[in-house]
Amino acid sequence: MENIDKIKELLDDIRPFLNLEGGDVEFIKYEDDYVYVKLIGACAMCSFKDLTLQDNIESYLKEEIPSIKGVINVSL
């Protein structure tokens, strides 16, 4: 539970930057050291969403919580 709270806090840190471009990120779940998120708004349709996910969200989360293996975008 501790990691989930920390992940949500870290996503809140990233959120303002995504909001500037009309996008957002929603936490879905944390399972087997993978973080599942949903990119929404402009981020969901952006051609750079994979870059945003890997170079920004994933790298930031892994830097703060080294046990994280990756971040997966879930399209619901």
N, C-alpha and C. Protein backbone atom coordinates (compact mmCIF):
# COMPACT_ATOMS: atom_id res chain seq x y z
N MET A 1 0.82 -1.19 0.00
CA MET A 1 0.00 0.00 0.00
C MET A 1 0.86 1.26 0.00
N GLU A 2 2.01 1.16 0.64
CA GLU A 2 2.91 2.32 0.71
C GLU A 2 3.36 2.75 -0.68
N ASN A 3 3.72 1.79 -1.54
CA ASN A 3 4.14 2.13 -2.90
C ASN A 3 3.01 2.77 -3.69
N ILE A 4 1.80 2.30 -3.50
CA ILE A 4 0.66 2.86 -4.24
C ILE A 4 0.46 4.33 -3.89
N ASP A 5 0.54 4.64 -2.61
CA ASP A 5 0.40 6.04 -2.19
C ASP A 5 1.51 6.90 -2.77
N LYS A 6 2.73 6.38 -2.77
CA LYS A 6 3.87 7.12 -3.32
C LYS A 6 3.71 7.31 -4.83
N ILE A 7 3.27 6.27 -5.53
CA ILE A 7 3.05 6.36 -6.98
C ILE A 7 2.01 7.44 -7.28
N LYS A 8 0.92 7.45 -6.53
CA LYS A 8 -0.12 8.47 -6.74
C LYS A 8 0.42 9.88 -6.50
N GLU A 9 1.26 10.04 -5.49
CA GLU A 9 1.88 11.34 -5.23
C GLU A 9 2.78 11.76 -6.39
N LEU A 10 3.57 10.82 -6.90
CA LEU A 10 4.47 11.11 -8.01
C LEU A 10 3.70 11.47 -9.28
N LEU A 11 2.60 10.77 -9.52
CA LEU A 11 1.77 11.10 -10.68
C LEU A 11 1.16 12.49 -10.52
N ASP A 12 0.85 12.87 -9.30
CA ASP A 12 0.36 14.23 -9.05
C ASP A 12 1.42 15.27 -9.37
N ASP A 13 2.70 14.91 -9.18
CA ASP A 13 3.80 15.82 -9.53
C ASP A 13 3.88 16.02 -11.04
N ILE A 14 3.61 14.97 -11.79
CA ILE A 14 3.71 15.00 -13.26
C ILE A 14 2.48 15.65 -13.90
N ARG A 15 1.34 15.48 -13.25
CA ARG A 15 0.06 15.91 -13.80
C ARG A 15 0.04 17.35 -14.34
N PRO A 16 0.59 18.35 -13.64
CA PRO A 16 0.53 19.73 -14.17
C PRO A 16 1.19 19.89 -15.55
N PHE A 17 2.25 19.14 -15.80
CA PHE A 17 2.93 19.22 -17.09
C PHE A 17 2.06 18.62 -18.20
N LEU A 18 1.36 17.55 -17.89
CA LEU A 18 0.46 16.95 -18.86
C LEU A 18 -0.76 17.85 -19.09
N ASN A 19 -1.24 18.47 -18.02
CA ASN A 19 -2.39 19.37 -18.12
C ASN A 19 -2.11 20.56 -19.01
N LEU A 20 -0.86 21.02 -19.04
CA LEU A 20 -0.50 22.16 -19.90
C LEU A 20 -0.78 21.87 -21.37
N GLU A 21 -0.69 20.59 -21.73
CA GLU A 21 -0.92 20.19 -23.12
C GLU A 21 -2.33 19.63 -23.33
N GLY A 22 -3.16 19.73 -22.31
CA GLY A 22 -4.54 19.24 -22.43
C GLY A 22 -4.71 17.77 -22.11
N GLY A 23 -3.69 17.17 -21.48
CA GLY A 23 -3.76 15.75 -21.16
C GLY A 23 -3.75 15.50 -19.67
N ASP A 24 -3.75 14.23 -19.32
CA ASP A 24 -3.72 13.83 -17.92
C ASP A 24 -3.35 12.36 -17.84
N VAL A 25 -3.10 11.90 -16.63
CA VAL A 25 -2.78 10.50 -16.39
C VAL A 25 -3.62 10.03 -15.20
N GLU A 26 -4.14 8.82 -15.31
CA GLU A 26 -4.96 8.23 -14.26
C GLU A 26 -4.31 6.94 -13.78
N PHE A 27 -4.13 6.81 -12.48
CA PHE A 27 -3.59 5.59 -11.91
C PHE A 27 -4.66 4.50 -11.98
N ILE A 28 -4.27 3.32 -12.47
CA ILE A 28 -5.19 2.19 -12.55
C ILE A 28 -4.87 1.17 -11.46
N LYS A 29 -3.62 0.67 -11.44
CA LYS A 29 -3.23 -0.29 -10.42
C LYS A 29 -1.72 -0.47 -10.40
N TYR A 30 -1.25 -1.09 -9.34
CA TYR A 30 0.17 -1.45 -9.18
C TYR A 30 0.19 -2.94 -8.88
N GLU A 31 0.81 -3.71 -9.79
CA GLU A 31 0.78 -5.16 -9.66
C GLU A 31 2.08 -5.75 -10.19
N ASP A 32 2.67 -6.64 -9.42
CA ASP A 32 3.92 -7.32 -9.82
C ASP A 32 5.01 -6.34 -10.23
N ASP A 33 5.11 -5.24 -9.51
CA ASP A 33 6.10 -4.19 -9.74
C ASP A 33 5.90 -3.42 -11.04
N TYR A 34 4.72 -3.52 -11.63
CA TYR A 34 4.37 -2.72 -12.80
C TYR A 34 3.26 -1.75 -12.42
N VAL A 35 3.38 -0.53 -12.94
CA VAL A 35 2.37 0.50 -12.71
C VAL A 35 1.50 0.57 -13.96
N TYR A 36 0.22 0.47 -13.76
CA TYR A 36 -0.74 0.57 -14.87
C TYR A 36 -1.43 1.91 -14.78
N VAL A 37 -1.36 2.67 -15.87
CA VAL A 37 -1.97 3.99 -15.93
C VAL A 37 -2.80 4.10 -17.19
N LYS A 38 -3.61 5.12 -17.23
CA LYS A 38 -4.37 5.44 -18.44
C LYS A 38 -4.09 6.89 -18.80
N LEU A 39 -3.54 7.10 -19.98
CA LEU A 39 -3.35 8.46 -20.47
C LEU A 39 -4.69 8.94 -21.01
N ILE A 40 -5.09 10.13 -20.61
CA ILE A 40 -6.40 10.64 -21.02
C ILE A 40 -6.26 12.05 -21.60
N GLY A 41 -7.33 12.54 -22.17
CA GLY A 41 -7.32 13.85 -22.79
C GLY A 41 -6.43 13.85 -24.02
N ALA A 42 -5.73 14.92 -24.23
CA ALA A 42 -4.86 15.05 -25.40
C ALA A 42 -3.77 13.99 -25.42
N CYS A 43 -3.34 13.52 -24.25
CA CYS A 43 -2.29 12.51 -24.18
C CYS A 43 -2.72 11.18 -24.79
N ALA A 44 -3.99 10.87 -24.69
CA ALA A 44 -4.49 9.58 -25.19
C ALA A 44 -4.36 9.47 -26.71
N MET A 45 -4.46 10.59 -27.40
CA MET A 45 -4.43 10.58 -28.85
C MET A 45 -3.12 11.10 -29.44
N CYS A 46 -2.22 11.54 -28.59
CA CYS A 46 -0.98 12.15 -29.05
C CYS A 46 -0.05 11.11 -29.67
N SER A 47 0.61 11.50 -30.74
CA SER A 47 1.56 10.59 -31.39
C SER A 47 2.83 10.39 -30.56
N PHE A 48 3.02 11.23 -29.54
CA PHE A 48 4.19 11.12 -28.67
C PHE A 48 3.86 10.45 -27.34
N LYS A 49 2.71 9.79 -27.24
CA LYS A 49 2.29 9.22 -25.96
C LYS A 49 3.26 8.15 -25.45
N ASP A 50 3.84 7.36 -26.34
CA ASP A 50 4.80 6.34 -25.90
C ASP A 50 6.06 6.99 -25.34
N LEU A 51 6.48 8.06 -25.96
CA LEU A 51 7.63 8.82 -25.48
C LEU A 51 7.34 9.45 -24.12
N THR A 52 6.18 10.03 -23.98
CA THR A 52 5.76 10.61 -22.70
C THR A 52 5.73 9.54 -21.62
N LEU A 53 5.19 8.40 -21.96
CA LEU A 53 5.06 7.31 -20.99
C LEU A 53 6.43 6.81 -20.54
N GLN A 54 7.33 6.54 -21.49
CA GLN A 54 8.63 5.96 -21.15
C GLN A 54 9.64 6.98 -20.65
N ASP A 55 9.80 8.06 -21.36
CA ASP A 55 10.85 9.02 -21.01
C ASP A 55 10.48 9.95 -19.86
N ASN A 56 9.23 10.13 -19.63
CA ASN A 56 8.82 11.05 -18.56
C ASN A 56 8.22 10.31 -17.36
N ILE A 57 7.11 9.66 -17.58
CA ILE A 57 6.41 9.03 -16.45
C ILE A 57 7.20 7.86 -15.90
N GLU A 58 7.58 6.91 -16.76
CA GLU A 58 8.29 5.72 -16.29
C GLU A 58 9.64 6.06 -15.67
N SER A 59 10.41 6.89 -16.32
CA SER A 59 11.74 7.22 -15.79
C SER A 59 11.64 7.93 -14.44
N TYR A 60 10.65 8.81 -14.29
CA TYR A 60 10.47 9.52 -13.02
C TYR A 60 10.06 8.55 -11.91
N LEU A 61 9.11 7.68 -12.19
CA LEU A 61 8.66 6.73 -11.18
C LEU A 61 9.79 5.77 -10.78
N LYS A 62 10.54 5.28 -11.77
CA LYS A 62 11.65 4.36 -11.49
C LYS A 62 12.76 5.04 -10.69
N GLU A 63 12.97 6.30 -10.95
CA GLU A 63 13.99 7.05 -10.21
C GLU A 63 13.62 7.16 -8.73
N GLU A 64 12.35 7.35 -8.47
CA GLU A 64 11.87 7.52 -7.10
C GLU A 64 11.58 6.20 -6.39
N ILE A 65 11.18 5.19 -7.17
CA ILE A 65 10.87 3.86 -6.61
C ILE A 65 11.58 2.83 -7.49
N PRO A 66 12.85 2.51 -7.17
CA PRO A 66 13.66 1.62 -8.01
C PRO A 66 13.08 0.22 -8.25
N SER A 67 12.18 -0.24 -7.41
CA SER A 67 11.62 -1.58 -7.58
C SER A 67 10.62 -1.67 -8.74
N ILE A 68 10.19 -0.53 -9.26
CA ILE A 68 9.25 -0.53 -10.38
C ILE A 68 9.96 -1.04 -11.63
N LYS A 69 9.33 -2.02 -12.29
CA LYS A 69 9.89 -2.62 -13.51
C LYS A 69 9.45 -1.87 -14.76
N GLY A 70 8.30 -1.25 -14.72
CA GLY A 70 7.82 -0.55 -15.90
C GLY A 70 6.46 0.08 -15.66
N VAL A 71 6.05 0.87 -16.65
CA VAL A 71 4.74 1.53 -16.63
C VAL A 71 4.02 1.14 -17.90
N ILE A 72 2.78 0.72 -17.74
CA ILE A 72 1.98 0.24 -18.87
C ILE A 72 0.74 1.11 -19.02
N ASN A 73 0.53 1.59 -20.24
CA ASN A 73 -0.67 2.38 -20.55
C ASN A 73 -1.82 1.42 -20.85
N VAL A 74 -2.90 1.59 -20.15
CA VAL A 74 -4.08 0.74 -20.33
C VAL A 74 -5.13 1.53 -21.08
N SER A 75 -5.58 1.01 -22.20
CA SER A 75 -6.66 1.66 -22.93
C SER A 75 -7.96 0.98 -22.57
N LEU A 76 -8.77 1.65 -21.75
CA LEU A 76 -10.04 1.06 -21.31
C LEU A 76 -11.19 1.52 -22.17
